[in-house]
């Protein structure tokens, strides 16, 4: 996959299909998944609380929990759908080979009779690899991040 915009669409399709191990394999060893509590206004994950700031180990633990048939929060299983606008390529820092993309989205998660919808902007920091791209950071800036949110079971 040579176009990073196609990579973003394929990444969302893996999540929608519940193929979490394949999704996790897209991250670099030092990759992070970040959902700032303050949304786009939050400059870094260390100066303020975050809804989620997870490295590969924590992501692996979440994936393992989702696969566990005894996980109470997954009875019945959660399902999700990502609706993406066309990703916009943003400039990377000078001298960096990273590719940065900004993708507005709507995320819907359903479990049993309950359904929730979130909107926001996803920012991918991708690293070119011989096989395509890998995720160095996936940042989710929710439209209304400061409000009380329902429990998100999957990955936005």
N, C-alpha and C. Protein backbone atom coordinates (compact mmCIF):
# COMPACT_ATOMS: atom_id res chain seq x y z
N UNK A 1 0.86 -1.17 0.00
CA UNK A 1 0.00 0.00 0.00
C UNK A 1 0.91 1.24 0.00
N UNK A 2 0.94 1.93 -1.12
CA UNK A 2 1.86 3.06 -1.26
C UNK A 2 1.25 4.39 -0.84
N UNK A 3 -0.05 4.52 -0.92
CA UNK A 3 -0.71 5.77 -0.57
C UNK A 3 -1.09 5.73 0.91
N UNK A 4 -0.59 6.66 1.72
CA UNK A 4 -0.92 6.62 3.15
C UNK A 4 -2.41 6.79 3.42
N UNK A 5 -3.14 7.43 2.51
CA UNK A 5 -4.59 7.58 2.70
C UNK A 5 -5.29 6.24 2.59
N UNK A 6 -4.79 5.37 1.70
CA UNK A 6 -5.34 4.01 1.61
C UNK A 6 -5.03 3.22 2.88
N UNK A 7 -3.86 3.47 3.46
CA UNK A 7 -3.47 2.80 4.71
C UNK A 7 -4.47 3.15 5.81
N UNK A 8 -4.84 4.42 5.93
CA UNK A 8 -5.78 4.85 6.96
C UNK A 8 -7.13 4.16 6.78
N UNK A 9 -7.61 4.06 5.55
CA UNK A 9 -8.88 3.38 5.29
C UNK A 9 -8.78 1.89 5.63
N UNK A 10 -7.66 1.26 5.28
CA UNK A 10 -7.48 -0.16 5.57
C UNK A 10 -7.39 -0.40 7.08
N UNK A 11 -6.75 0.52 7.80
CA UNK A 11 -6.65 0.40 9.25
C UNK A 11 -8.03 0.43 9.89
N UNK A 12 -8.88 1.36 9.46
CA UNK A 12 -10.25 1.44 9.99
C UNK A 12 -11.04 0.19 9.64
N UNK A 13 -10.83 -0.35 8.45
CA UNK A 13 -11.54 -1.57 8.04
C UNK A 13 -11.17 -2.75 8.92
N UNK A 14 -9.90 -2.84 9.34
CA UNK A 14 -9.50 -3.91 10.26
C UNK A 14 -10.24 -3.81 11.58
N UNK A 15 -10.36 -2.59 12.11
CA UNK A 15 -11.09 -2.40 13.36
C UNK A 15 -12.56 -2.76 13.19
N UNK A 16 -13.17 -2.31 12.10
CA UNK A 16 -14.58 -2.60 11.87
C UNK A 16 -14.85 -4.10 11.73
N UNK A 17 -13.86 -4.83 11.21
CA UNK A 17 -14.00 -6.28 11.03
C UNK A 17 -13.61 -7.06 12.29
N UNK A 18 -13.16 -6.35 13.34
CA UNK A 18 -12.77 -7.02 14.57
C UNK A 18 -11.46 -7.77 14.46
N UNK A 19 -10.62 -7.39 13.51
CA UNK A 19 -9.32 -8.06 13.29
C UNK A 19 -8.24 -7.30 14.08
N UNK A 20 -8.35 -7.39 15.40
CA UNK A 20 -7.54 -6.56 16.29
C UNK A 20 -6.06 -6.95 16.30
N UNK A 21 -5.74 -8.23 16.16
CA UNK A 21 -4.33 -8.62 16.12
C UNK A 21 -3.64 -8.03 14.89
N UNK A 22 -4.33 -8.08 13.75
CA UNK A 22 -3.77 -7.49 12.52
C UNK A 22 -3.64 -5.98 12.67
N UNK A 23 -4.62 -5.36 13.33
CA UNK A 23 -4.57 -3.92 13.56
C UNK A 23 -3.38 -3.56 14.45
N UNK A 24 -3.19 -4.31 15.52
CA UNK A 24 -2.09 -4.03 16.43
C UNK A 24 -0.74 -4.19 15.73
N UNK A 25 -0.65 -5.11 14.79
CA UNK A 25 0.61 -5.33 14.06
C UNK A 25 0.98 -4.13 13.20
N UNK A 26 0.06 -3.20 12.99
CA UNK A 26 0.35 -2.00 12.20
C UNK A 26 1.19 -0.98 12.98
N UNK A 27 1.26 -1.12 14.30
CA UNK A 27 1.98 -0.16 15.14
C UNK A 27 3.48 -0.48 15.18
N UNK A 28 4.29 0.57 15.25
CA UNK A 28 5.71 0.38 15.49
C UNK A 28 5.90 -0.11 16.91
N UNK A 29 7.09 -0.62 17.22
CA UNK A 29 7.36 -1.09 18.58
C UNK A 29 7.20 0.02 19.61
N UNK A 30 7.48 1.27 19.22
CA UNK A 30 7.34 2.41 20.13
C UNK A 30 6.05 3.20 19.86
N UNK A 31 5.10 2.56 19.16
CA UNK A 31 3.86 3.24 18.78
C UNK A 31 2.94 3.51 19.97
N UNK A 32 2.09 4.53 19.81
CA UNK A 32 1.12 4.91 20.85
C UNK A 32 -0.24 5.19 20.23
N UNK A 33 -1.26 4.89 21.01
CA UNK A 33 -2.65 5.22 20.71
C UNK A 33 -3.07 6.23 21.77
N UNK A 34 -3.48 7.43 21.34
CA UNK A 34 -3.72 8.51 22.28
C UNK A 34 -5.06 9.18 22.02
N UNK A 35 -5.86 9.29 23.08
CA UNK A 35 -7.13 10.03 23.04
C UNK A 35 -7.03 11.10 24.12
N UNK A 36 -6.66 12.34 23.77
CA UNK A 36 -6.51 13.41 24.77
C UNK A 36 -7.84 13.77 25.42
N UNK A 37 -7.80 14.04 26.70
CA UNK A 37 -9.00 14.48 27.42
C UNK A 37 -9.45 15.86 26.97
N UNK A 38 -8.51 16.71 26.58
CA UNK A 38 -8.83 18.07 26.16
C UNK A 38 -8.98 18.19 24.64
N UNK A 39 -8.98 17.09 23.93
CA UNK A 39 -9.10 17.13 22.48
C UNK A 39 -7.92 17.83 21.85
N UNK A 40 -8.18 18.56 20.78
CA UNK A 40 -7.12 19.21 20.01
C UNK A 40 -6.33 20.23 20.82
N UNK A 41 -6.88 20.72 21.93
CA UNK A 41 -6.20 21.73 22.74
C UNK A 41 -5.06 21.14 23.58
N UNK A 42 -5.00 19.83 23.70
CA UNK A 42 -3.99 19.20 24.55
C UNK A 42 -2.71 18.96 23.75
N UNK A 43 -1.62 19.57 24.21
CA UNK A 43 -0.36 19.54 23.46
C UNK A 43 0.39 18.22 23.61
N UNK A 44 0.29 17.58 24.76
CA UNK A 44 1.03 16.33 24.95
C UNK A 44 0.30 15.46 25.97
N UNK A 45 0.62 14.18 26.02
CA UNK A 45 -0.08 13.27 26.93
C UNK A 45 0.44 13.29 28.36
N UNK A 46 1.50 14.05 28.63
CA UNK A 46 2.12 14.01 29.94
C UNK A 46 1.75 15.19 30.84
N UNK A 47 1.29 16.29 30.27
CA UNK A 47 0.99 17.47 31.07
C UNK A 47 -0.47 17.51 31.55
N UNK A 48 -1.29 16.58 31.07
CA UNK A 48 -2.69 16.55 31.46
C UNK A 48 -3.19 15.11 31.30
N UNK A 49 -4.26 14.77 32.01
CA UNK A 49 -4.86 13.45 31.87
C UNK A 49 -5.34 13.22 30.46
N UNK A 50 -5.40 11.97 30.07
CA UNK A 50 -5.92 11.57 28.77
C UNK A 50 -7.01 10.53 28.96
N UNK A 51 -7.90 10.44 28.01
CA UNK A 51 -8.90 9.38 28.02
C UNK A 51 -8.18 8.04 27.83
N UNK A 52 -7.20 8.04 26.93
CA UNK A 52 -6.36 6.86 26.72
C UNK A 52 -5.00 7.32 26.23
N UNK A 53 -3.97 6.71 26.74
CA UNK A 53 -2.61 6.88 26.22
C UNK A 53 -1.93 5.55 26.41
N UNK A 54 -1.89 4.75 25.34
CA UNK A 54 -1.50 3.36 25.45
C UNK A 54 -0.34 3.04 24.52
N UNK A 55 0.65 2.34 25.07
CA UNK A 55 1.75 1.85 24.25
C UNK A 55 1.38 0.46 23.73
N UNK A 56 2.33 -0.20 23.07
CA UNK A 56 2.05 -1.52 22.48
C UNK A 56 1.61 -2.53 23.54
N UNK A 57 2.25 -2.51 24.72
CA UNK A 57 1.90 -3.47 25.76
C UNK A 57 0.45 -3.29 26.20
N UNK A 58 0.04 -2.06 26.48
CA UNK A 58 -1.34 -1.82 26.91
C UNK A 58 -2.33 -2.14 25.79
N UNK A 59 -1.97 -1.82 24.56
CA UNK A 59 -2.85 -2.18 23.43
C UNK A 59 -2.99 -3.69 23.33
N UNK A 60 -1.89 -4.41 23.51
CA UNK A 60 -1.96 -5.87 23.46
C UNK A 60 -2.86 -6.42 24.55
N UNK A 61 -2.79 -5.84 25.75
CA UNK A 61 -3.67 -6.28 26.84
C UNK A 61 -5.13 -6.05 26.49
N UNK A 62 -5.44 -4.91 25.87
CA UNK A 62 -6.83 -4.65 25.48
C UNK A 62 -7.30 -5.62 24.41
N UNK A 63 -6.44 -5.89 23.44
CA UNK A 63 -6.79 -6.84 22.38
C UNK A 63 -7.03 -8.23 22.99
N UNK A 64 -6.17 -8.65 23.90
CA UNK A 64 -6.34 -9.95 24.56
C UNK A 64 -7.66 -10.01 25.33
N UNK A 65 -8.01 -8.91 26.00
CA UNK A 65 -9.29 -8.88 26.74
C UNK A 65 -10.47 -9.00 25.79
N UNK A 66 -10.39 -8.32 24.64
CA UNK A 66 -11.49 -8.38 23.68
C UNK A 66 -11.68 -9.80 23.12
N UNK A 67 -10.61 -10.55 23.04
CA UNK A 67 -10.68 -11.91 22.51
C UNK A 67 -11.09 -12.94 23.56
N UNK A 68 -11.02 -12.57 24.84
CA UNK A 68 -11.30 -13.52 25.90
C UNK A 68 -12.81 -13.79 25.98
N UNK A 69 -13.23 -15.03 25.84
CA UNK A 69 -14.68 -15.33 25.87
C UNK A 69 -15.31 -15.06 27.24
N UNK A 70 -14.50 -14.87 28.28
CA UNK A 70 -15.03 -14.60 29.61
C UNK A 70 -15.11 -13.10 29.92
N UNK A 71 -14.76 -12.25 28.96
CA UNK A 71 -14.79 -10.80 29.19
C UNK A 71 -16.25 -10.36 29.32
N UNK A 72 -16.64 -9.99 30.53
CA UNK A 72 -18.03 -9.61 30.81
C UNK A 72 -18.50 -8.45 29.93
N UNK A 73 -17.61 -7.48 29.70
CA UNK A 73 -18.01 -6.31 28.91
C UNK A 73 -18.23 -6.64 27.44
N UNK A 74 -17.93 -7.86 27.05
CA UNK A 74 -18.13 -8.24 25.66
C UNK A 74 -19.21 -9.31 25.50
N UNK A 75 -20.18 -9.28 26.41
CA UNK A 75 -21.34 -10.17 26.33
C UNK A 75 -22.58 -9.32 26.22
N UNK A 76 -23.16 -9.07 25.08
CA UNK A 76 -22.72 -9.52 23.75
C UNK A 76 -21.53 -8.70 23.25
N UNK A 77 -20.92 -9.17 22.17
CA UNK A 77 -19.73 -8.51 21.61
C UNK A 77 -20.06 -7.11 21.09
N UNK A 78 -19.11 -6.23 21.24
CA UNK A 78 -19.22 -4.88 20.66
C UNK A 78 -18.84 -4.94 19.19
N UNK A 79 -19.47 -4.07 18.43
CA UNK A 79 -19.15 -3.92 17.01
C UNK A 79 -18.97 -2.43 16.75
N UNK A 80 -18.21 -2.11 15.70
CA UNK A 80 -18.00 -0.69 15.41
C UNK A 80 -18.00 -0.42 13.91
N UNK A 81 -18.18 0.84 13.58
CA UNK A 81 -18.13 1.30 12.20
C UNK A 81 -17.47 2.67 12.20
N UNK A 82 -16.42 2.81 11.39
CA UNK A 82 -15.74 4.09 11.20
C UNK A 82 -16.21 4.68 9.87
N UNK A 83 -16.66 5.90 9.89
CA UNK A 83 -17.01 6.63 8.67
C UNK A 83 -15.99 7.75 8.55
N UNK A 84 -15.16 7.68 7.53
CA UNK A 84 -14.02 8.59 7.40
C UNK A 84 -14.22 9.57 6.26
N UNK A 85 -13.80 10.81 6.48
CA UNK A 85 -13.62 11.72 5.37
C UNK A 85 -12.28 11.40 4.74
N UNK A 86 -12.03 11.93 3.56
CA UNK A 86 -10.76 11.69 2.89
C UNK A 86 -9.63 12.31 3.71
N UNK A 87 -8.61 11.51 4.06
CA UNK A 87 -7.51 12.04 4.87
C UNK A 87 -6.74 13.15 4.16
N UNK A 88 -6.34 14.12 4.95
CA UNK A 88 -5.54 15.25 4.44
C UNK A 88 -4.10 15.06 4.93
N UNK A 89 -3.16 15.13 4.01
CA UNK A 89 -1.75 15.01 4.37
C UNK A 89 -1.30 16.34 4.97
N UNK A 90 -0.63 16.26 6.13
CA UNK A 90 -0.11 17.45 6.80
C UNK A 90 1.41 17.43 6.76
N UNK A 91 2.04 18.60 6.86
CA UNK A 91 3.50 18.61 6.84
C UNK A 91 4.09 17.95 8.08
N UNK A 92 5.15 17.17 7.86
CA UNK A 92 5.89 16.54 8.95
C UNK A 92 7.01 17.50 9.36
N UNK A 93 7.55 17.33 10.55
CA UNK A 93 8.68 18.17 10.96
C UNK A 93 9.83 18.07 9.95
N UNK A 94 10.54 19.15 9.81
CA UNK A 94 11.64 19.18 8.85
C UNK A 94 12.65 18.08 9.16
N UNK A 95 13.06 17.37 8.13
CA UNK A 95 14.02 16.29 8.28
C UNK A 95 13.42 14.96 8.68
N UNK A 96 12.11 14.91 8.91
CA UNK A 96 11.44 13.68 9.33
C UNK A 96 10.90 12.95 8.09
N UNK A 97 11.01 11.63 8.10
CA UNK A 97 10.45 10.82 7.02
C UNK A 97 9.00 10.42 7.32
N UNK A 98 8.52 10.77 8.51
CA UNK A 98 7.14 10.44 8.89
C UNK A 98 6.15 11.08 7.92
N UNK A 99 5.02 10.42 7.78
CA UNK A 99 3.89 10.96 7.02
C UNK A 99 2.80 11.25 8.02
N UNK A 100 2.26 12.46 8.00
CA UNK A 100 1.21 12.86 8.94
C UNK A 100 -0.09 13.07 8.19
N UNK A 101 -1.15 12.48 8.72
CA UNK A 101 -2.46 12.60 8.10
C UNK A 101 -3.49 13.05 9.12
N UNK A 102 -4.47 13.78 8.65
CA UNK A 102 -5.56 14.29 9.49
C UNK A 102 -6.87 13.83 8.84
N UNK A 103 -7.67 13.07 9.60
CA UNK A 103 -8.88 12.46 9.03
C UNK A 103 -10.09 12.73 9.93
N UNK A 104 -11.01 13.60 9.52
CA UNK A 104 -12.26 13.73 10.27
C UNK A 104 -13.07 12.43 10.17
N UNK A 105 -13.78 12.09 11.24
CA UNK A 105 -14.48 10.81 11.27
C UNK A 105 -15.75 10.89 12.10
N UNK A 106 -16.59 9.89 11.89
CA UNK A 106 -17.69 9.56 12.78
C UNK A 106 -17.47 8.10 13.16
N UNK A 107 -17.58 7.81 14.45
CA UNK A 107 -17.36 6.46 14.97
C UNK A 107 -18.65 6.02 15.65
N UNK A 108 -19.10 4.84 15.29
CA UNK A 108 -20.30 4.27 15.90
C UNK A 108 -19.91 2.94 16.53
N UNK A 109 -20.29 2.77 17.80
CA UNK A 109 -20.04 1.50 18.49
C UNK A 109 -21.38 0.98 18.99
N UNK A 110 -21.63 -0.30 18.74
CA UNK A 110 -22.89 -0.92 19.14
C UNK A 110 -22.61 -2.17 19.95
N UNK A 111 -23.46 -2.39 20.94
CA UNK A 111 -23.38 -3.60 21.76
C UNK A 111 -24.79 -3.90 22.24
N UNK A 112 -25.32 -5.06 21.87
CA UNK A 112 -26.70 -5.37 22.21
C UNK A 112 -27.63 -4.35 21.60
N UNK A 113 -28.51 -3.77 22.42
CA UNK A 113 -29.45 -2.76 21.93
C UNK A 113 -28.91 -1.33 22.02
N UNK A 114 -27.70 -1.17 22.56
CA UNK A 114 -27.13 0.16 22.77
C UNK A 114 -26.20 0.53 21.62
N UNK A 115 -26.25 1.82 21.30
CA UNK A 115 -25.37 2.34 20.26
C UNK A 115 -24.93 3.75 20.64
N UNK A 116 -23.66 4.05 20.40
CA UNK A 116 -23.18 5.41 20.66
C UNK A 116 -22.45 5.90 19.42
N UNK A 117 -22.41 7.21 19.29
CA UNK A 117 -21.74 7.82 18.15
C UNK A 117 -20.82 8.92 18.67
N UNK A 118 -19.60 8.93 18.17
CA UNK A 118 -18.61 9.95 18.49
C UNK A 118 -18.09 10.54 17.19
N UNK A 119 -17.70 11.80 17.24
CA UNK A 119 -17.12 12.45 16.07
C UNK A 119 -15.83 13.12 16.49
N UNK A 120 -14.94 13.31 15.53
CA UNK A 120 -13.69 13.97 15.84
C UNK A 120 -12.74 13.93 14.66
N UNK A 121 -11.47 14.09 14.99
CA UNK A 121 -10.41 14.07 13.99
C UNK A 121 -9.33 13.10 14.45
N UNK A 122 -8.92 12.25 13.55
CA UNK A 122 -7.85 11.30 13.83
C UNK A 122 -6.58 11.80 13.16
N UNK A 123 -5.49 11.77 13.91
CA UNK A 123 -4.19 12.17 13.37
C UNK A 123 -3.25 10.98 13.44
N UNK A 124 -2.84 10.49 12.28
CA UNK A 124 -1.89 9.39 12.18
C UNK A 124 -0.50 9.95 11.92
N UNK A 125 0.48 9.44 12.64
CA UNK A 125 1.89 9.68 12.34
C UNK A 125 2.42 8.35 11.85
N UNK A 126 2.66 8.27 10.56
CA UNK A 126 3.07 7.01 9.94
C UNK A 126 4.55 7.03 9.61
N UNK A 127 5.15 5.86 9.71
CA UNK A 127 6.55 5.66 9.38
C UNK A 127 6.61 4.79 8.13
N UNK A 128 7.31 5.25 7.08
CA UNK A 128 7.47 4.38 5.91
C UNK A 128 8.31 3.14 6.27
N UNK A 129 7.87 1.98 5.81
CA UNK A 129 8.60 0.73 6.01
C UNK A 129 8.73 0.05 4.66
N UNK A 130 9.57 -0.97 4.54
CA UNK A 130 9.67 -1.67 3.26
C UNK A 130 8.34 -2.28 2.80
N UNK A 131 7.47 -2.63 3.75
CA UNK A 131 6.18 -3.21 3.40
C UNK A 131 5.04 -2.21 3.28
N UNK A 132 5.29 -0.94 3.45
CA UNK A 132 4.24 0.08 3.39
C UNK A 132 4.42 1.11 4.48
N UNK A 133 3.52 1.13 5.45
CA UNK A 133 3.58 2.09 6.55
C UNK A 133 3.35 1.39 7.88
N UNK A 134 3.78 2.03 8.96
CA UNK A 134 3.50 1.58 10.32
C UNK A 134 3.08 2.80 11.12
N UNK A 135 2.27 2.59 12.15
CA UNK A 135 1.75 3.69 12.96
C UNK A 135 2.70 3.98 14.11
N UNK A 136 3.25 5.19 14.12
CA UNK A 136 4.06 5.64 15.26
C UNK A 136 3.13 6.21 16.34
N UNK A 137 2.10 6.94 15.89
CA UNK A 137 1.11 7.44 16.85
C UNK A 137 -0.22 7.61 16.13
N UNK A 138 -1.27 7.20 16.83
CA UNK A 138 -2.63 7.47 16.38
C UNK A 138 -3.26 8.31 17.48
N UNK A 139 -3.58 9.54 17.12
CA UNK A 139 -4.17 10.48 18.07
C UNK A 139 -5.61 10.74 17.65
N UNK A 140 -6.53 10.61 18.62
CA UNK A 140 -7.95 10.82 18.38
C UNK A 140 -8.38 12.07 19.13
N UNK A 141 -8.68 13.14 18.41
CA UNK A 141 -9.21 14.36 19.02
C UNK A 141 -10.73 14.34 18.88
N UNK A 142 -11.40 13.98 19.97
CA UNK A 142 -12.86 13.93 19.94
C UNK A 142 -13.44 15.33 19.89
N UNK A 143 -14.55 15.47 19.18
CA UNK A 143 -15.19 16.77 18.99
C UNK A 143 -15.58 17.39 20.33
N UNK A 144 -16.09 16.59 21.23
CA UNK A 144 -16.53 17.08 22.54
C UNK A 144 -15.87 16.24 23.62
N UNK A 145 -14.54 16.23 23.62
CA UNK A 145 -13.78 15.34 24.49
C UNK A 145 -14.01 15.61 25.98
N UNK A 146 -14.29 16.83 26.35
CA UNK A 146 -14.42 17.18 27.75
C UNK A 146 -15.70 16.73 28.41
N UNK A 147 -16.68 16.30 27.65
CA UNK A 147 -17.96 15.89 28.25
C UNK A 147 -17.85 14.49 28.82
N UNK A 148 -18.80 14.12 29.64
CA UNK A 148 -18.85 12.76 30.16
C UNK A 148 -19.13 11.82 29.00
N UNK A 149 -18.25 10.86 28.80
CA UNK A 149 -18.38 9.94 27.67
C UNK A 149 -18.81 8.57 28.16
N UNK A 150 -19.55 7.86 27.31
CA UNK A 150 -19.85 6.47 27.67
C UNK A 150 -18.59 5.63 27.57
N UNK A 151 -18.61 4.44 28.07
CA UNK A 151 -17.47 3.55 28.01
C UNK A 151 -17.25 3.07 26.57
N UNK A 152 -16.09 3.36 26.04
CA UNK A 152 -15.74 2.92 24.69
C UNK A 152 -15.02 1.58 24.85
N UNK A 153 -15.57 0.54 24.27
CA UNK A 153 -15.00 -0.80 24.41
C UNK A 153 -13.93 -1.11 23.38
N UNK A 154 -14.07 -0.59 22.19
CA UNK A 154 -13.16 -0.91 21.09
C UNK A 154 -12.18 0.22 20.88
N UNK A 155 -11.71 0.39 19.66
CA UNK A 155 -10.72 1.42 19.36
C UNK A 155 -11.31 2.41 18.36
N UNK A 156 -11.33 3.67 18.73
CA UNK A 156 -11.87 4.71 17.86
C UNK A 156 -10.97 4.86 16.65
